[in-house]
PDB file of N, CA and C in Angstrom:
ATOM      1  N   MET A   1     104.678  91.563 106.817  1.00  0.00           N
ATOM      2  CA  MET A   1     105.547  91.872 108.029  1.00  0.00           C
ATOM      3  C   MET A   1     107.172  91.170 107.973  1.00  0.00           C
ATOM      4  N   ALA A   2     107.804  91.627 107.614  1.00  0.00           N
ATOM      5  CA  ALA A   2     109.335  90.975 107.741  1.00  0.00           C
ATOM      6  C   ALA A   2     109.970  91.315 109.189  1.00  0.00           C
ATOM      7  N   GLU A   3     110.863  90.779 109.650  1.00  0.00           N
ATOM      8  CA  GLU A   3     111.481  90.278 110.687  1.00  0.00           C
ATOM      9  C   GLU A   3     112.748  90.024 110.432  1.00  0.00           C
ATOM     10  N   TYR A   4     113.870  90.918 111.173  1.00  0.00           N
ATOM     11  CA  TYR A   4     115.592  90.692 111.086  1.00  0.00           C
ATOM     12  C   TYR A   4     116.381  90.498 112.385  1.00  0.00           C
ATOM     13  N   LYS A   5     117.174  90.146 112.130  1.00  0.00           N
ATOM     14  CA  LYS A   5     118.047  89.486 113.325  1.00  0.00           C
ATOM     15  C   LYS A   5     120.032  89.895 112.889  1.00  0.00           C
ATOM     16  N   THR A   6     120.340  90.756 113.928  1.00  0.00           N
ATOM     17  CA  THR A   6     122.108  90.920 114.166  1.00  0.00           C
ATOM     18  C   THR A   6     122.375  91.050 115.286  1.00  0.00           C
ATOM     19  N   LEU A   7     123.197  91.741 115.389  1.00  0.00           N
ATOM     20  CA  LEU A   7     124.115  92.068 116.896  1.00  0.00           C
ATOM     21  C   LEU A   7     122.745  93.310 117.623  1.00  0.00           C
ATOM     22  N   PRO A   8     122.584  92.927 118.792  1.00  0.00           N
ATOM     23  CA  PRO A   8     121.614  94.040 119.610  1.00  0.00           C
ATOM     24  C   PRO A   8     122.125  95.304 119.599  1.00  0.00           C
ATOM     25  N   ASN A   9     121.213  96.816 119.739  1.00  0.00           N
ATOM     26  CA  ASN A   9     121.598  98.251 119.311  1.00  0.00           C
ATOM     27  C   ASN A   9     121.993  97.841 117.913  1.00  0.00           C
ATOM     28  N   TYR A  10     122.265  97.395 117.045  1.00  0.00           N
ATOM     29  CA  TYR A  10     122.821  98.010 115.652  1.00  0.00           C
ATOM     30  C   TYR A  10     122.254  99.167 114.841  1.00  0.00           C
ATOM     31  N   GLU A  11     122.799  99.862 114.405  1.00  0.00           N
ATOM     32  CA  GLU A  11     122.842 101.363 114.096  1.00  0.00           C
ATOM     33  C   GLU A  11     122.914 100.981 112.462  1.00  0.00           C
ATOM     34  N   PHE A  12     121.798 100.573 111.263  1.00  0.00           N
ATOM     35  CA  PHE A  12     121.811 100.414 110.012  1.00  0.00           C
ATOM     36  C   PHE A  12     121.694 101.679 109.165  1.00  0.00           C
ATOM     37  N   ILE A  13     122.715 102.181 108.857  1.00  0.00           N
ATOM     38  CA  ILE A  13     122.600 103.748 108.177  1.00  0.00           C
ATOM     39  C   ILE A  13     123.304 103.796 106.741  1.00  0.00           C
ATOM     40  N   ARG A  14     122.690 103.442 106.030  1.00  0.00           N
ATOM     41  CA  ARG A  14     122.763 103.406 104.610  1.00  0.00           C
ATOM     42  C   ARG A  14     121.802 103.594 103.566  1.00  0.00           C
ATOM     43  N   ASP A  15     122.074 104.167 102.230  1.00  0.00           N
ATOM     44  CA  ASP A  15     121.155 104.553 101.379  1.00  0.00           C
ATOM     45  C   ASP A  15     119.678 105.394 102.047  1.00  0.00           C
ATOM     46  N   GLY A  16     119.832 106.270 102.638  1.00  0.00           N
ATOM     47  CA  GLY A  16     119.605 107.353 103.288  1.00  0.00           C
ATOM     48  C   GLY A  16     118.511 106.823 104.226  1.00  0.00           C
ATOM     49  N   LEU A  17     118.477 105.539 104.729  1.00  0.00           N
ATOM     50  CA  LEU A  17     117.758 104.882 106.147  1.00  0.00           C
ATOM     51  C   LEU A  17     118.544 104.702 107.263  1.00  0.00           C
ATOM     52  N   TYR A  18     117.761 104.649 108.214  1.00  0.00           N
ATOM     53  CA  TYR A  18     118.463 104.967 109.465  1.00  0.00           C
ATOM     54  C   TYR A  18     117.486 104.103 110.975  1.00  0.00           C
ATOM     55  N   ILE A  19     118.225 102.549 111.017  1.00  0.00           N
ATOM     56  CA  ILE A  19     116.976 101.878 111.151  1.00  0.00           C
ATOM     57  C   ILE A  19     118.460 101.219 112.264  1.00  0.00           C
ATOM     58  N   VAL A  20     117.407 101.355 113.661  1.00  0.00           N
ATOM     59  CA  VAL A  20     117.961 100.756 115.227  1.00  0.00           C
ATOM     60  C   VAL A  20     117.640  99.296 115.700  1.00  0.00           C
ATOM     61  N   PHE A  21     118.152  98.365 115.509  1.00  0.00           N
ATOM     62  CA  PHE A  21     117.595  97.185 116.115  1.00  0.00           C
ATOM     63  C   PHE A  21     117.164  97.021 117.655  1.00  0.00           C
ATOM     64  N   ASN A  22     116.538  96.542 118.409  1.00  0.00           N
ATOM     65  CA  ASN A  22     116.284  96.907 119.431  1.00  0.00           C
ATOM     66  C   ASN A  22     117.517  96.285 120.354  1.00  0.00           C
ATOM     67  N   GLY A  23     117.347  95.636 121.632  1.00  0.00           N
ATOM     68  CA  GLY A  23     118.233  95.293 122.277  1.00  0.00           C
ATOM     69  C   GLY A  23     118.879  93.719 122.252  1.00  0.00           C
ATOM     70  N   TYR A  24     117.816  92.993 121.779  1.00  0.00           N
ATOM     71  CA  TYR A  24     117.578  92.075 121.192  1.00  0.00           C
ATOM     72  C   TYR A  24     118.205  91.103 120.208  1.00  0.00           C
ATOM     73  N   GLY A  25     118.533  92.502 119.296  1.00  0.00           N
ATOM     74  CA  GLY A  25     119.339  92.348 117.855  1.00  0.00           C
ATOM     75  C   GLY A  25     118.430  92.301 116.925  1.00  0.00           C
ATOM     76  N   VAL A  26     116.664  92.755 117.258  1.00  0.00           N
ATOM     77  CA  VAL A  26     115.450  92.187 116.389  1.00  0.00           C
ATOM     78  C   VAL A  26     115.262  93.753 115.785  1.00  0.00           C
ATOM     79  N   TYR A  27     114.472  93.380 114.456  1.00  0.00           N
ATOM     80  CA  TYR A  27     113.759  94.609 114.409  1.00  0.00           C
ATOM     81  C   TYR A  27     112.458  93.946 112.854  1.00  0.00           C
ATOM     82  N   LYS A  28     111.394  94.860 113.135  1.00  0.00           N
ATOM     83  CA  LYS A  28     110.167  94.457 112.662  1.00  0.00           C
ATOM     84  C   LYS A  28     110.281  95.659 111.102  1.00  0.00           C
ATOM     85  N   THR A  29     109.731  95.370 110.351  1.00  0.00           N
ATOM     86  CA  THR A  29     109.089  96.344 109.268  1.00  0.00           C
ATOM     87  C   THR A  29     108.295  95.703 108.638  1.00  0.00           C
ATOM     88  N   ASN A  30     107.433  96.700 107.854  1.00  0.00           N
ATOM     89  CA  ASN A  30     106.260  96.669 106.555  1.00  0.00           C
ATOM     90  C   ASN A  30     106.954  97.692 105.460  1.00  0.00           C
ATOM     91  N   VAL A  31     107.911  98.493 105.585  1.00  0.00           N
ATOM     92  CA  VAL A  31     108.572  98.922 104.641  1.00  0.00           C
ATOM     93  C   VAL A  31     109.134  98.136 103.528  1.00  0.00           C
ATOM     94  N   GLU A  32     108.638  98.551 102.434  1.00  0.00           N
ATOM     95  CA  GLU A  32     109.523  97.647 101.704  1.00  0.00           C
ATOM     96  C   GLU A  32     110.760  98.441 101.324  1.00  0.00           C
ATOM     97  N   LYS A  33     110.983  99.424 101.271  1.00  0.00           N
ATOM     98  CA  LYS A  33     112.723 100.043 100.805  1.00  0.00           C
ATOM     99  C   LYS A  33     113.426  99.656 102.197  1.00  0.00           C
ATOM    100  N   GLU A  34     112.823  99.417 103.184  1.00  0.00           N
ATOM    101  CA  GLU A  34     113.479  98.758 104.148  1.00  0.00           C
ATOM    102  C   GLU A  34     113.960  96.823 104.377  1.00  0.00           C
ATOM    103  N   ILE A  35     112.433  96.616 103.985  1.00  0.00           N
ATOM    104  CA  ILE A  35     113.196  95.086 103.225  1.00  0.00           C
ATOM    105  C   ILE A  35     114.426  95.068 102.038  1.00  0.00           C
ATOM    106  N   ALA A  36     114.026  95.635 101.495  1.00  0.00           N
ATOM    107  CA  ALA A  36     114.910  95.579 100.017  1.00  0.00           C
ATOM    108  C   ALA A  36     116.491  95.682 100.774  1.00  0.00           C
ATOM    109  N   ALA A  37     116.422  97.363 101.466  1.00  0.00           N
ATOM    110  CA  ALA A  37     117.347  97.209 101.833  1.00  0.00           C
ATOM    111  C   ALA A  37     118.283  96.084 102.923  1.00  0.00           C
ATOM    112  N   LEU A  38     117.247  95.538 103.494  1.00  0.00           N
ATOM    113  CA  LEU A  38     118.122  94.754 104.761  1.00  0.00           C
ATOM    114  C   LEU A  38     118.551  93.392 103.844  1.00  0.00           C
ATOM    115  N   ASP A  39     117.687  93.226 102.864  1.00  0.00           N
ATOM    116  CA  ASP A  39     117.959  91.505 102.408  1.00  0.00           C
ATOM    117  C   ASP A  39     119.421  91.655 101.583  1.00  0.00           C
ATOM    118  N   LYS A  40     119.847  92.833 101.534  1.00  0.00           N
ATOM    119  CA  LYS A  40     121.356  92.980 100.430  1.00  0.00           C
ATOM    120  C   LYS A  40     122.548  92.313 101.282  1.00  0.00           C
ATOM    121  N   TYR A  41     122.086  92.877 102.690  1.00  0.00           N
ATOM    122  CA  TYR A  41     122.831  91.998 103.549  1.00  0.00           C
ATOM    123  C   TYR A  41     123.427  91.308 104.705  1.00  0.00           C
ATOM    124  N   ASP A  42     122.537  90.077 103.668  1.00  0.00           N
ATOM    125  CA  ASP A  42     122.460  88.499 104.580  1.00  0.00           C
ATOM    126  C   ASP A  42     123.741  88.129 104.390  1.00  0.00           C
ATOM    127  N   PRO A  43     124.727  87.575 104.508  1.00  0.00           N
ATOM    128  CA  PRO A  43     124.001  87.057 106.214  1.00  0.00           C
ATOM    129  C   PRO A  43     124.516  87.836 107.545  1.00  0.00           C
ATOM    130  N   PHE A  44     125.247  88.950 107.552  1.00  0.00           N
ATOM    131  CA  PHE A  44     125.346  89.734 108.706  1.00  0.00           C
ATOM    132  C   PHE A  44     123.794  90.133 109.448  1.00  0.00           C
ATOM    133  N   ILE A  45     122.974  90.636 108.563  1.00  0.00           N
ATOM    134  CA  ILE A  45     121.401  91.078 108.685  1.00  0.00           C
ATOM    135  C   ILE A  45     120.720  89.608 108.511  1.00  0.00           C
ATOM    136  N   GLN A  46     120.351  89.117 108.914  1.00  0.00           N
ATOM    137  CA  GLN A  46     119.230  87.536 108.579  1.00  0.00           C
ATOM    138  C   GLN A  46     117.657  88.116 108.651  1.00  0.00           C
ATOM    139  N   ARG A  47     117.075  87.718 107.664  1.00  0.00           N
ATOM    140  CA  ARG A  47     115.594  87.198 108.026  1.00  0.00           C
ATOM    141  C   ARG A  47     115.465  86.355 108.539  1.00  0.00           C
ATOM    142  N   VAL A  48     114.426  86.308 109.188  1.00  0.00           N
ATOM    143  CA  VAL A  48     113.929  85.231 110.364  1.00  0.00           C
ATOM    144  C   VAL A  48     112.532  84.786 110.018  1.00  0.00           C
ATOM    145  N   ASP A  49     111.937  85.951 110.050  1.00  0.00           N
ATOM    146  CA  ASP A  49     110.091  85.096 108.849  1.00  0.00           C
ATOM    147  C   ASP A  49     110.681  84.716 107.890  1.00  0.00           C
ATOM    148  N   LYS A  50     109.431  83.642 107.135  1.00  0.00           N
ATOM    149  CA  LYS A  50     109.430  83.700 105.941  1.00  0.00           C
ATOM    150  C   LYS A  50     108.896  84.144 105.389  1.00  0.00           C
ATOM    151  N   PRO A  51     109.487  84.802 104.235  1.00  0.00           N
ATOM    152  CA  PRO A  51     108.729  85.709 102.641  1.00  0.00           C
ATOM    153  C   PRO A  51     107.362  84.723 102.574  1.00  0.00           C
ATOM    154  N   ALA A  52     106.576  86.249 102.597  1.00  0.00           N
ATOM    155  CA  ALA A  52     104.900  84.872 101.901  1.00  0.00           C
ATOM    156  C   ALA A  52     105.283  84.600 100.435  1.00  0.00           C
ATOM    157  N   ALA A  53     105.097  83.493 100.035  1.00  0.00           N
ATOM    158  CA  ALA A  53     105.476  83.359  98.633  1.00  0.00           C
ATOM    159  C   ALA A  53     104.158  83.906  97.646  1.00  0.00           C
ATOM    160  N   LYS A  54     104.776  84.191  96.408  1.00  0.00           N
ATOM    161  CA  LYS A  54     103.546  84.764  96.186  1.00  0.00           C
ATOM    162  C   LYS A  54     103.075  83.482  94.820  1.00  0.00           C
ATOM    163  N   PRO A  55     101.512  83.286  94.515  1.00  0.00           N
ATOM    164  CA  PRO A  55     101.040  82.225  94.467  1.00  0.00           C
ATOM    165  C   PRO A  55     100.991  81.732  92.826  1.00  0.00           C
ATOM    166  N   LYS A  56     101.067  80.816  92.756  1.00  0.00           N
ATOM    167  CA  LYS A  56     101.623  80.352  91.688  1.00  0.00           C
ATOM    168  C   LYS A  56     100.481  80.245  90.127  1.00  0.00           C
ATOM    169  N   THR A  57     100.447  80.688  89.404  1.00  0.00           N
ATOM    170  CA  THR A  57      99.160  80.727  88.428  1.00  0.00           C
ATOM    171  C   THR A  57      99.041  79.871  87.764  1.00  0.00           C
ATOM    172  N   ALA A  58      98.512  78.525  88.147  1.00  0.00           N
ATOM    173  CA  ALA A  58      98.412  77.105  87.122  1.00  0.00           C
ATOM    174  C   ALA A  58      97.966  77.386  85.557  1.00  0.00           C
ATOM    175  N   ALA A  59      98.802  77.099  85.130  1.00  0.00           N
ATOM    176  CA  ALA A  59      98.939  77.066  83.387  1.00  0.00           C
ATOM    177  C   ALA A  59      97.772  76.162  83.019  1.00  0.00           C
ATOM    178  N   LYS A  60      97.078  76.423  82.174  1.00  0.00           N
ATOM    179  CA  LYS A  60      95.804  75.729  81.578  1.00  0.00           C
ATOM    180  C   LYS A  60      96.510  74.611  80.310  1.00  0.00           C
ATOM    181  N   PRO A  61      96.201  73.591  80.301  1.00  0.00           N
ATOM    182  CA  PRO A  61      96.710  72.771  79.310  1.00  0.00           C
ATOM    183  C   PRO A  61      96.087  73.469  78.047  1.00  0.00           C
ATOM    184  N   LYS A  62      96.826  73.352  77.217  1.00  0.00           N
ATOM    185  CA  LYS A  62      96.529  73.384  75.763  1.00  0.00           C
ATOM    186  C   LYS A  62      95.558  72.496  74.883  1.00  0.00           C
ATOM    187  N   LYS A  63      94.575  72.820  74.364  1.00  0.00           N
ATOM    188  CA  LYS A  63      93.933  71.961  73.589  1.00  0.00           C
ATOM    189  C   LYS A  63      94.283  71.642  72.437  1.00  0.00           C
TER     190      LYS A  63
END
C-alpha cells in the first residue's frame, strides 16, 4: 500500500489516470501503474509511507 500527500482535493489527470486526493490531501493505492505515475511527481506529490524494502539475497562466499 502506497500513501501520498499533496494539496487537499487535488486532481491528478495524466497518463490516462484520474486520481482524486481526499480533503486532507491524502491518497492510498495498491495499483502499480498509479504508484509509478505518482512517484514521478515528487516533491509536489510526496510519498509518506516507506516503500517495502526488497530483500537482498546474501551472496555465498566462493570456496
